[in-house]
Amino acid sequence: MRVALAQLNVVVGDLDGNVERITAAIEESKRAAADLVVLPELAVTGYPPEDLLLRPGFLRAAREAVDEVARGCDGIVALVGGPAFDRDLANAAFVCAGGAVQGVYRKQFLPNYGVFDEHRYFAPGRELLLLRFGDVLVGPTICEDVWQPGPPATDLALAGATLLVNLSASPYHGGKAEDREEMLVTRARDNAAYVAFCNLVGGQDELVFDGHSVVLDDEGEVVARAPGFEEALLVVDVDPTEAIGRRLRDVRRRELERSRAGAPVATTVELPRAREAATPVAPTMSP
């Protein structure tokens, strides 16, 4: 399947401008014949939106913005970050396809250390979501979810996901890109899954986001990497079903499943089968 990672410089509170950026990235991904395009965490509102999230009118406008983005998702699937309100507020990834929102994944691990204050605004999600593109199962996660060594990544892999996708707003500090990529290598190897990580770029008050979006195979090898500190659309062809062979040889997965008394339960969203690319794309490998 062909995956596009759209690392964007969105602006906190600028819903109209952010929708324009997101829509432009989706249209560019369509021209690149991508099956799936991934946007950063809370791309619709910008990150971190802080006390804007306490305004019901802002939350309604943000959901209208998501629906506007979804109406343009014909012939492609987009994972779009935004706030989702249903009894309580969640940091969410909206599955946009066929002109509408087809599913919602809610972030499970909410960071509340250093520059993060997500407990103030969000309730944690509890449920797993899988996206089925024919033979390929994709498991969405959001930022802190993939920094955890266990669930939800391990649960998604046990449920069948061979591609783990992460929508992120990961702030920069010296050495962060290298540390983060080393962590993603471990997640790919431990879960025998491809990993696609899409990060924000730009600045918001004291925070700087460095991009460096990356795709890794199931053995932790980097197959594509976007540049740092600039907007980019990273397009890459992957075959996540290659991970199945490694899983058949890795008995640790079976032992983990036995210890859990069965595979985790996940809601599955059925999507169009990935198209076979006529001409492969040459992967970008920025330093």
C-alpha atoms as a PDB file:
ATOM      1  CA  MET A   1       0.000   0.000   0.000  1.00  0.00           C
ATOM      2  CA  ARG A   2       1.063   3.586  -0.508  1.00  0.00           C
ATOM      3  CA  VAL A   3       1.192   5.727   2.634  1.00  0.00           C
ATOM      4  CA  ALA A   4       1.646   9.504   2.812  1.00  0.00           C
ATOM      5  CA  LEU A   5       2.748  11.323   5.979  1.00  0.00           C
ATOM      6  CA  ALA A   6       1.858  15.031   5.929  1.00  0.00           C
ATOM      7  CA  GLN A   7       4.001  16.863   8.492  1.00  0.00           C
ATOM      8  CA  LEU A   8       2.411  20.309   8.659  1.00  0.00           C
ATOM      9  CA  ASN A   9       2.965  23.622  10.413  1.00  0.00           C
ATOM     10  CA  VAL A  10      -0.558  24.217  11.726  1.00  0.00           C
ATOM     11  CA  VAL A  11      -1.492  27.182  13.909  1.00  0.00           C
ATOM     12  CA  VAL A  12      -3.286  26.913  17.254  1.00  0.00           C
ATOM     13  CA  GLY A  13      -6.858  28.170  16.932  1.00  0.00           C
ATOM     14  CA  ASP A  14      -6.712  28.837  13.176  1.00  0.00           C
ATOM     15  CA  LEU A  15      -9.334  26.276  12.196  1.00  0.00           C
ATOM     16  CA  ASP A  16      -9.939  27.682   8.712  1.00  0.00           C
ATOM     17  CA  GLY A  17      -6.238  27.959   7.903  1.00  0.00           C
ATOM     18  CA  ASN A  18      -5.527  24.502   9.271  1.00  0.00           C
ATOM     19  CA  VAL A  19      -8.326  22.979   7.199  1.00  0.00           C
ATOM     20  CA  GLU A  20      -6.782  24.596   4.109  1.00  0.00           C
ATOM     21  CA  ARG A  21      -3.381  23.095   4.924  1.00  0.00           C
ATOM     22  CA  ILE A  22      -4.865  19.659   5.649  1.00  0.00           C
ATOM     23  CA  THR A  23      -7.038  19.672   2.530  1.00  0.00           C
ATOM     24  CA  ALA A  24      -4.076  20.696   0.366  1.00  0.00           C
ATOM     25  CA  ALA A  25      -2.025  17.827   1.807  1.00  0.00           C
ATOM     26  CA  ILE A  26      -4.836  15.366   1.139  1.00  0.00           C
ATOM     27  CA  GLU A  27      -5.169  16.570  -2.453  1.00  0.00           C
ATOM     28  CA  GLU A  28      -1.403  16.230  -2.952  1.00  0.00           C
ATOM     29  CA  SER A  29      -1.606  12.711  -1.501  1.00  0.00           C
ATOM     30  CA  LYS A  30      -4.362  11.861  -3.982  1.00  0.00           C
ATOM     31  CA  ARG A  31      -2.164  13.015  -6.853  1.00  0.00           C
ATOM     32  CA  ALA A  32       0.553  10.751  -5.475  1.00  0.00           C
ATOM     33  CA  ALA A  33      -1.956   7.845  -5.562  1.00  0.00           C
ATOM     34  CA  ALA A  34      -1.685   7.244  -1.805  1.00  0.00           C
ATOM     35  CA  ASP A  35      -4.127   4.839  -0.170  1.00  0.00           C
ATOM     36  CA  LEU A  36      -3.710   6.395   3.285  1.00  0.00           C
ATOM     37  CA  VAL A  37      -2.574   9.866   4.375  1.00  0.00           C
ATOM     38  CA  VAL A  38      -1.680  10.539   8.009  1.00  0.00           C
ATOM     39  CA  LEU A  39      -1.831  14.014   9.602  1.00  0.00           C
ATOM     40  CA  PRO A  40      -0.253  15.094  12.914  1.00  0.00           C
ATOM     41  CA  GLU A  41      -1.874  15.001  16.346  1.00  0.00           C
ATOM     42  CA  LEU A  42      -4.627  17.629  16.782  1.00  0.00           C
ATOM     43  CA  ALA A  43      -3.854  18.978  13.312  1.00  0.00           C
ATOM     44  CA  VAL A  44      -7.276  20.629  13.061  1.00  0.00           C
ATOM     45  CA  THR A  45      -6.845  22.774  16.182  1.00  0.00           C
ATOM     46  CA  GLY A  46      -3.061  23.036  16.377  1.00  0.00           C
ATOM     47  CA  TYR A  47      -1.084  21.748  19.360  1.00  0.00           C
ATOM     48  CA  PRO A  48      -1.411  22.446  22.230  1.00  0.00           C
ATOM     49  CA  PRO A  49      -4.799  24.224  22.060  1.00  0.00           C
ATOM     50  CA  GLU A  50      -4.909  24.467  25.873  1.00  0.00           C
ATOM     51  CA  ASP A  51      -7.907  26.380  27.288  1.00  0.00           C
ATOM     52  CA  LEU A  52      -9.533  26.795  23.886  1.00  0.00           C
ATOM     53  CA  LEU A  53     -10.632  23.209  24.567  1.00  0.00           C
ATOM     54  CA  LEU A  54     -12.777  24.458  27.471  1.00  0.00           C
ATOM     55  CA  ARG A  55     -14.995  26.433  25.075  1.00  0.00           C
ATOM     56  CA  PRO A  56     -17.954  24.388  23.732  1.00  0.00           C
ATOM     57  CA  GLY A  57     -18.222  26.679  20.712  1.00  0.00           C
ATOM     58  CA  PHE A  58     -14.608  25.954  19.773  1.00  0.00           C
ATOM     59  CA  LEU A  59     -15.194  22.205  20.082  1.00  0.00           C
ATOM     60  CA  ARG A  60     -18.256  22.418  17.819  1.00  0.00           C
ATOM     61  CA  ALA A  61     -16.297  24.435  15.254  1.00  0.00           C
ATOM     62  CA  ALA A  62     -13.432  21.941  15.408  1.00  0.00           C
ATOM     63  CA  ARG A  63     -15.801  19.043  14.695  1.00  0.00           C
ATOM     64  CA  GLU A  64     -17.320  20.971  11.789  1.00  0.00           C
ATOM     65  CA  ALA A  65     -13.780  21.444  10.483  1.00  0.00           C
ATOM     66  CA  VAL A  66     -13.163  17.678  10.678  1.00  0.00           C
ATOM     67  CA  ASP A  67     -16.392  17.019   8.774  1.00  0.00           C
ATOM     68  CA  GLU A  68     -15.335  19.540   6.130  1.00  0.00           C
ATOM     69  CA  VAL A  69     -12.023  17.699   5.707  1.00  0.00           C
ATOM     70  CA  ALA A  70     -13.839  14.357   5.539  1.00  0.00           C
ATOM     71  CA  ARG A  71     -16.090  15.547   2.709  1.00  0.00           C
ATOM     72  CA  GLY A  72     -12.986  15.890   0.546  1.00  0.00           C
ATOM     73  CA  CYS A  73     -11.772  12.352   1.272  1.00  0.00           C
ATOM     74  CA  ASP A  74     -12.992  10.468  -1.768  1.00  0.00           C
ATOM     75  CA  GLY A  75     -10.619   7.896  -3.228  1.00  0.00           C
ATOM     76  CA  ILE A  76      -8.317   8.143  -0.199  1.00  0.00           C
ATOM     77  CA  VAL A  77      -8.381   7.475   3.556  1.00  0.00           C
ATOM     78  CA  ALA A  78      -7.128  10.211   5.904  1.00  0.00           C
ATOM     79  CA  LEU A  79      -6.289   9.949   9.603  1.00  0.00           C
ATOM     80  CA  VAL A  80      -6.915  13.448  10.947  1.00  0.00           C
ATOM     81  CA  GLY A  81      -6.108  14.583  14.488  1.00  0.00           C
ATOM     82  CA  GLY A  82      -8.696  16.630  16.395  1.00  0.00           C
ATOM     83  CA  PRO A  83     -10.717  16.808  19.629  1.00  0.00           C
ATOM     84  CA  ALA A  84     -13.696  14.459  19.915  1.00  0.00           C
ATOM     85  CA  PHE A  85     -16.499  15.218  22.382  1.00  0.00           C
ATOM     86  CA  ASP A  86     -18.886  12.439  23.445  1.00  0.00           C
ATOM     87  CA  ARG A  87     -19.865  12.804  27.126  1.00  0.00           C
ATOM     88  CA  ASP A  88     -16.231  13.775  27.720  1.00  0.00           C
ATOM     89  CA  LEU A  89     -13.400  15.144  25.592  1.00  0.00           C
ATOM     90  CA  ALA A  90     -10.801  12.972  23.880  1.00  0.00           C
ATOM     91  CA  ASN A  91      -7.642  13.606  21.887  1.00  0.00           C
ATOM     92  CA  ALA A  92      -8.655  11.702  18.771  1.00  0.00           C
ATOM     93  CA  ALA A  93      -7.794  10.484  15.302  1.00  0.00           C
ATOM     94  CA  PHE A  94     -10.719  10.654  12.872  1.00  0.00           C
ATOM     95  CA  VAL A  95     -10.884   8.088  10.070  1.00  0.00           C
ATOM     96  CA  CYS A  96     -12.066  10.076   7.054  1.00  0.00           C
ATOM     97  CA  ALA A  97     -13.086   8.177   3.909  1.00  0.00           C
ATOM     98  CA  GLY A  98     -15.897   8.155   1.382  1.00  0.00           C
ATOM     99  CA  GLY A  99     -16.796  11.754   2.213  1.00  0.00           C
ATOM    100  CA  ALA A 100     -17.510  11.132   5.914  1.00  0.00           C
ATOM    101  CA  VAL A 101     -15.995  10.168   9.262  1.00  0.00           C
ATOM    102  CA  GLN A 102     -15.955   6.362   9.370  1.00  0.00           C
ATOM    103  CA  GLY A 103     -14.444   5.857  12.825  1.00  0.00           C
ATOM    104  CA  VAL A 104     -12.694   7.536  15.752  1.00  0.00           C
ATOM    105  CA  TYR A 105      -9.681   6.411  17.760  1.00  0.00           C
ATOM    106  CA  ARG A 106      -9.165   8.048  21.170  1.00  0.00           C
ATOM    107  CA  LYS A 107      -5.683   8.515  22.654  1.00  0.00           C
ATOM    108  CA  GLN A 108      -5.101   6.189  25.587  1.00  0.00           C
ATOM    109  CA  PHE A 109      -1.980   7.567  27.282  1.00  0.00           C
ATOM    110  CA  LEU A 110      -2.176  11.258  28.193  1.00  0.00           C
ATOM    111  CA  PRO A 111       1.215  12.796  29.076  1.00  0.00           C
ATOM    112  CA  ASN A 112       1.242  15.028  32.127  1.00  0.00           C
ATOM    113  CA  TYR A 113       4.911  15.805  32.636  1.00  0.00           C
ATOM    114  CA  GLY A 114       7.399  18.372  31.359  1.00  0.00           C
ATOM    115  CA  VAL A 115       5.608  20.600  28.839  1.00  0.00           C
ATOM    116  CA  PHE A 116       2.491  18.379  28.704  1.00  0.00           C
ATOM    117  CA  ASP A 117      -0.764  18.988  30.589  1.00  0.00           C
ATOM    118  CA  GLU A 118      -3.238  16.674  28.861  1.00  0.00           C
ATOM    119  CA  HIS A 119      -4.956  15.422  32.041  1.00  0.00           C
ATOM    120  CA  ARG A 120      -6.432  18.914  32.363  1.00  0.00           C
ATOM    121  CA  TYR A 121      -8.272  18.629  29.054  1.00  0.00           C
ATOM    122  CA  PHE A 122      -8.806  15.012  27.991  1.00  0.00           C
ATOM    123  CA  ALA A 123     -10.204  11.715  29.188  1.00  0.00           C
ATOM    124  CA  PRO A 124      -8.225   8.615  28.129  1.00  0.00           C
ATOM    125  CA  GLY A 125      -9.590   6.297  25.474  1.00  0.00           C
ATOM    126  CA  ARG A 126     -10.032   2.590  26.195  1.00  0.00           C
ATOM    127  CA  GLU A 127     -10.860   0.927  22.890  1.00  0.00           C
ATOM    128  CA  LEU A 128      -8.700  -0.339  20.050  1.00  0.00           C
ATOM    129  CA  LEU A 129      -9.435   0.493  16.416  1.00  0.00           C
ATOM    130  CA  LEU A 130      -8.263  -1.358  13.314  1.00  0.00           C
ATOM    131  CA  LEU A 131      -8.496  -0.213   9.702  1.00  0.00           C
ATOM    132  CA  ARG A 132      -8.760  -3.023   7.168  1.00  0.00           C
ATOM    133  CA  PHE A 133      -7.406  -2.373   3.666  1.00  0.00           C
ATOM    134  CA  GLY A 134      -7.993  -5.795   2.107  1.00  0.00           C
ATOM    135  CA  ASP A 135      -5.301  -8.045   3.603  1.00  0.00           C
ATOM    136  CA  VAL A 136      -3.650  -5.218   5.550  1.00  0.00           C
ATOM    137  CA  LEU A 137      -4.727  -4.243   9.060  1.00  0.00           C
ATOM    138  CA  VAL A 138      -3.617  -0.794  10.238  1.00  0.00           C
ATOM    139  CA  GLY A 139      -3.601   0.185  13.916  1.00  0.00           C
ATOM    140  CA  PRO A 140      -3.794   3.932  14.701  1.00  0.00           C
ATOM    141  CA  THR A 141      -2.150   5.391  17.815  1.00  0.00           C
ATOM    142  CA  ILE A 142      -1.523   8.954  18.990  1.00  0.00           C
ATOM    143  CA  CYS A 143       1.832  10.291  20.235  1.00  0.00           C
ATOM    144  CA  GLU A 144       2.355   9.018  23.828  1.00  0.00           C
ATOM    145  CA  ASP A 145       0.574   5.744  22.978  1.00  0.00           C
ATOM    146  CA  VAL A 146       3.598   4.528  21.027  1.00  0.00           C
ATOM    147  CA  TRP A 147       6.141   5.611  23.669  1.00  0.00           C
ATOM    148  CA  GLN A 148       4.681   2.982  26.002  1.00  0.00           C
ATOM    149  CA  PRO A 149       6.387  -0.434  25.679  1.00  0.00           C
ATOM    150  CA  GLY A 150       3.102  -2.347  26.049  1.00  0.00           C
ATOM    151  CA  PRO A 151      -0.455  -1.536  24.977  1.00  0.00           C
ATOM    152  CA  PRO A 152      -1.914  -0.151  22.844  1.00  0.00           C
ATOM    153  CA  ALA A 153       0.819  -1.069  20.308  1.00  0.00           C
ATOM    154  CA  THR A 154       1.204  -4.646  21.569  1.00  0.00           C
ATOM    155  CA  ASP A 155      -2.571  -5.126  21.698  1.00  0.00           C
ATOM    156  CA  LEU A 156      -3.002  -3.815  18.153  1.00  0.00           C
ATOM    157  CA  ALA A 157      -0.289  -6.175  16.910  1.00  0.00           C
ATOM    158  CA  LEU A 158      -1.893  -9.127  18.715  1.00  0.00           C
ATOM    159  CA  ALA A 159      -5.225  -8.152  17.145  1.00  0.00           C
ATOM    160  CA  GLY A 160      -3.593  -8.443  13.704  1.00  0.00           C
ATOM    161  CA  ALA A 161      -2.249  -4.991  12.828  1.00  0.00           C
ATOM    162  CA  THR A 162       0.858  -5.222  10.648  1.00  0.00           C
ATOM    163  CA  LEU A 163       1.167  -1.447  10.257  1.00  0.00           C
ATOM    164  CA  LEU A 164       1.139   0.780  13.352  1.00  0.00           C
ATOM    165  CA  VAL A 165       0.442   4.440  12.558  1.00  0.00           C
ATOM    166  CA  ASN A 166       1.195   7.263  14.994  1.00  0.00           C
ATOM    167  CA  LEU A 167      -0.174  10.818  14.797  1.00  0.00           C
ATOM    168  CA  SER A 168       2.200  12.944  16.823  1.00  0.00           C
ATOM    169  CA  ALA A 169       3.011  16.395  18.178  1.00  0.00           C
ATOM    170  CA  SER A 170       6.408  15.560  19.654  1.00  0.00           C
ATOM    171  CA  PRO A 171       8.358  18.660  20.789  1.00  0.00           C
ATOM    172  CA  TYR A 172      12.024  19.094  19.996  1.00  0.00           C
ATOM    173  CA  HIS A 173      15.048  19.209  22.265  1.00  0.00           C
ATOM    174  CA  GLY A 174      18.671  18.411  21.503  1.00  0.00           C
ATOM    175  CA  GLY A 175      19.000  14.759  20.507  1.00  0.00           C
ATOM    176  CA  LYS A 176      15.217  14.188  20.492  1.00  0.00           C
ATOM    177  CA  ALA A 177      14.999  13.003  16.864  1.00  0.00           C
ATOM    178  CA  GLU A 178      17.621  10.313  17.449  1.00  0.00           C
ATOM    179  CA  ASP A 179      16.090   9.165  20.770  1.00  0.00           C
ATOM    180  CA  ARG A 180      12.610   9.055  19.259  1.00  0.00           C
ATOM    181  CA  GLU A 181      13.712   7.043  16.242  1.00  0.00           C
ATOM    182  CA  GLU A 182      15.549   4.577  18.489  1.00  0.00           C
ATOM    183  CA  MET A 183      12.295   4.077  20.413  1.00  0.00           C
ATOM    184  CA  LEU A 184      10.373   3.502  17.171  1.00  0.00           C
ATOM    185  CA  VAL A 185      12.949   0.902  16.079  1.00  0.00           C
ATOM    186  CA  THR A 186      12.228  -0.980  19.313  1.00  0.00           C
ATOM    187  CA  ARG A 187       8.446  -0.788  18.798  1.00  0.00           C
ATOM    188  CA  ALA A 188       8.736  -2.120  15.245  1.00  0.00           C
ATOM    189  CA  ARG A 189      10.951  -5.031  16.291  1.00  0.00           C
ATOM    190  CA  ASP A 190       9.015  -5.952  19.439  1.00  0.00           C
ATOM    191  CA  ASN A 191       5.666  -5.946  17.634  1.00  0.00           C
ATOM    192  CA  ALA A 192       6.913  -7.355  14.297  1.00  0.00           C
ATOM    193  CA  ALA A 193       5.066  -4.524  12.583  1.00  0.00           C
ATOM    194  CA  TYR A 194       5.743  -1.683  10.195  1.00  0.00           C
ATOM    195  CA  VAL A 195       5.583   1.725  11.912  1.00  0.00           C
ATOM    196  CA  ALA A 196       4.601   5.045  10.302  1.00  0.00           C
ATOM    197  CA  PHE A 197       5.162   8.114  12.508  1.00  0.00           C
ATOM    198  CA  CYS A 198       3.869  11.558  11.417  1.00  0.00           C
ATOM    199  CA  ASN A 199       5.049  14.540  13.447  1.00  0.00           C
ATOM    200  CA  LEU A 200       4.165  18.229  13.590  1.00  0.00           C
ATOM    201  CA  VAL A 201       6.541  21.015  12.546  1.00  0.00           C
ATOM    202  CA  GLY A 202       6.685  24.673  13.546  1.00  0.00           C
ATOM    203  CA  GLY A 203       6.495  26.583  16.811  1.00  0.00           C
ATOM    204  CA  GLN A 204       3.871  27.350  19.448  1.00  0.00           C
ATOM    205  CA  ASP A 205       4.952  29.624  22.294  1.00  0.00           C
ATOM    206  CA  GLU A 206       7.910  27.877  23.982  1.00  0.00           C
ATOM    207  CA  LEU A 207       7.517  24.639  21.996  1.00  0.00           C
ATOM    208  CA  VAL A 208       9.227  23.758  18.708  1.00  0.00           C
ATOM    209  CA  PHE A 209       8.211  20.703  16.666  1.00  0.00           C
ATOM    210  CA  ASP A 210      10.866  19.169  14.455  1.00  0.00           C
ATOM    211  CA  GLY A 211       9.030  16.877  12.035  1.00  0.00           C
ATOM    212  CA  HIS A 212      11.417  14.024  11.122  1.00  0.00           C
ATOM    213  CA  SER A 213       8.423  11.838  10.232  1.00  0.00           C
ATOM    214  CA  VAL A 214       9.586   8.315   9.524  1.00  0.00           C
ATOM    215  CA  VAL A 215       8.517   4.883   8.250  1.00  0.00           C
ATOM    216  CA  LEU A 216      10.189   1.689   9.508  1.00  0.00           C
ATOM    217  CA  ASP A 217       9.787  -1.935   8.471  1.00  0.00           C
ATOM    218  CA  ASP A 218       9.018  -4.814  10.829  1.00  0.00           C
ATOM    219  CA  GLU A 219      12.721  -5.335  11.590  1.00  0.00           C
ATOM    220  CA  GLY A 220      13.202  -1.710  12.606  1.00  0.00           C
ATOM    221  CA  GLU A 221      14.963  -0.584   9.428  1.00  0.00           C
ATOM    222  CA  VAL A 222      14.156   2.979   8.357  1.00  0.00           C
ATOM    223  CA  VAL A 223      12.672   2.889   4.840  1.00  0.00           C
ATOM    224  CA  ALA A 224      11.813   6.617   4.539  1.00  0.00           C
ATOM    225  CA  ARG A 225      12.418   9.778   6.557  1.00  0.00           C
ATOM    226  CA  ALA A 226      11.097  13.323   6.119  1.00  0.00           C
ATOM    227  CA  PRO A 227      13.313  16.382   6.714  1.00  0.00           C
ATOM    228  CA  GLY A 228      13.426  18.276   9.980  1.00  0.00           C
ATOM    229  CA  PHE A 229      11.919  21.691  10.722  1.00  0.00           C
ATOM    230  CA  GLU A 230      10.012  22.094   7.442  1.00  0.00           C
ATOM    231  CA  GLU A 231       6.701  21.028   5.990  1.00  0.00           C
ATOM    232  CA  ALA A 232       6.857  17.915   3.824  1.00  0.00           C
ATOM    233  CA  LEU A 233       4.748  15.130   2.363  1.00  0.00           C
ATOM    234  CA  LEU A 234       6.553  11.813   2.791  1.00  0.00           C
ATOM    235  CA  VAL A 235       5.196   9.190   0.363  1.00  0.00           C
ATOM    236  CA  VAL A 236       6.324   5.571   0.606  1.00  0.00           C
ATOM    237  CA  ASP A 237       5.259   2.166  -0.713  1.00  0.00           C
ATOM    238  CA  VAL A 238       5.115  -0.552   1.962  1.00  0.00           C
ATOM    239  CA  ASP A 239       3.919  -4.147   2.132  1.00  0.00           C
ATOM    240  CA  PRO A 240       3.052  -4.707   5.800  1.00  0.00           C
ATOM    241  CA  THR A 241       2.006  -8.305   5.091  1.00  0.00           C
ATOM    242  CA  GLU A 242       5.745  -9.079   4.975  1.00  0.00           C
ATOM    243  CA  ALA A 243       5.598  -8.961   8.774  1.00  0.00           C
ATOM    244  CA  ILE A 244       3.478 -12.114   8.853  1.00  0.00           C
ATOM    245  CA  GLY A 245       6.454 -14.341   8.084  1.00  0.00           C
ATOM    246  CA  ARG A 246       8.413 -12.954  11.031  1.00  0.00           C
ATOM    247  CA  ARG A 247       5.407 -13.362  13.312  1.00  0.00           C
ATOM    248  CA  LEU A 248       5.081 -17.027  12.404  1.00  0.00           C
ATOM    249  CA  ARG A 249       8.670 -17.535  13.543  1.00  0.00           C
ATOM    250  CA  ASP A 250       8.381 -15.469  16.733  1.00  0.00           C
ATOM    251  CA  VAL A 251       6.970 -17.644  19.529  1.00  0.00           C
ATOM    252  CA  ARG A 252       6.962 -14.739  22.014  1.00  0.00           C
ATOM    253  CA  ARG A 253       3.738 -13.417  20.489  1.00  0.00           C
ATOM    254  CA  ARG A 254       1.931 -16.698  21.126  1.00  0.00           C
ATOM    255  CA  GLU A 255       3.128 -16.775  24.717  1.00  0.00           C
ATOM    256  CA  LEU A 256       1.939 -13.203  25.239  1.00  0.00           C
ATOM    257  CA  GLU A 257      -1.462 -14.068  23.784  1.00  0.00           C
ATOM    258  CA  ARG A 258      -1.731 -17.167  25.995  1.00  0.00           C
ATOM    259  CA  SER A 259      -0.917 -15.082  29.064  1.00  0.00           C
ATOM    260  CA  ARG A 260      -3.760 -12.726  28.117  1.00  0.00           C
ATOM    261  CA  ALA A 261      -6.273 -15.527  27.572  1.00  0.00           C
ATOM    262  CA  GLY A 262      -6.885 -14.564  23.962  1.00  0.00           C
ATOM    263  CA  ALA A 263      -6.346 -11.836  21.406  1.00  0.00           C
ATOM    264  CA  PRO A 264      -7.483  -8.287  22.262  1.00  0.00           C
ATOM    265  CA  VAL A 265     -10.832  -7.135  20.914  1.00  0.00           C
ATOM    266  CA  ALA A 266     -10.791  -4.240  18.443  1.00  0.00           C
ATOM    267  CA  THR A 267     -13.413  -2.441  16.379  1.00  0.00           C
ATOM    268  CA  THR A 268     -12.600  -2.832  12.680  1.00  0.00           C
ATOM    269  CA  VAL A 269     -13.393  -0.244  10.006  1.00  0.00           C
ATOM    270  CA  GLU A 270     -13.633  -1.799   6.526  1.00  0.00           C
ATOM    271  CA  LEU A 271     -11.971   0.338   3.849  1.00  0.00           C
ATOM    272  CA  PRO A 272     -11.163  -0.121   0.141  1.00  0.00           C
ATOM    273  CA  ARG A 273      -8.388  -2.552  -0.685  1.00  0.00           C
ATOM    274  CA  ALA A 274      -5.071  -0.836  -1.331  1.00  0.00           C
ATOM    275  CA  ARG A 275      -4.356  -0.266  -5.001  1.00  0.00           C
ATOM    276  CA  GLU A 276      -1.390  -1.891  -6.687  1.00  0.00           C
ATOM    277  CA  ALA A 277       0.962   0.909  -7.702  1.00  0.00           C
ATOM    278  CA  ALA A 278       1.834   1.023 -11.391  1.00  0.00           C
ATOM    279  CA  THR A 279       5.122   2.802 -10.725  1.00  0.00           C
ATOM    280  CA  PRO A 280       6.862   2.529  -7.327  1.00  0.00           C
ATOM    281  CA  VAL A 281       7.876   5.753  -5.607  1.00  0.00           C
ATOM    282  CA  ALA A 282      11.490   6.300  -4.642  1.00  0.00           C
ATOM    283  CA  PRO A 283      11.527   6.713  -0.841  1.00  0.00           C
ATOM    284  CA  THR A 284      12.900   9.936   0.626  1.00  0.00           C
ATOM    285  CA  MET A 285      15.704   9.466   3.158  1.00  0.00           C
ATOM    286  CA  SER A 286      16.485  12.841   4.713  1.00  0.00           C
ATOM    287  CA  PRO A 287      19.423  12.940   7.146  1.00  0.00           C
END
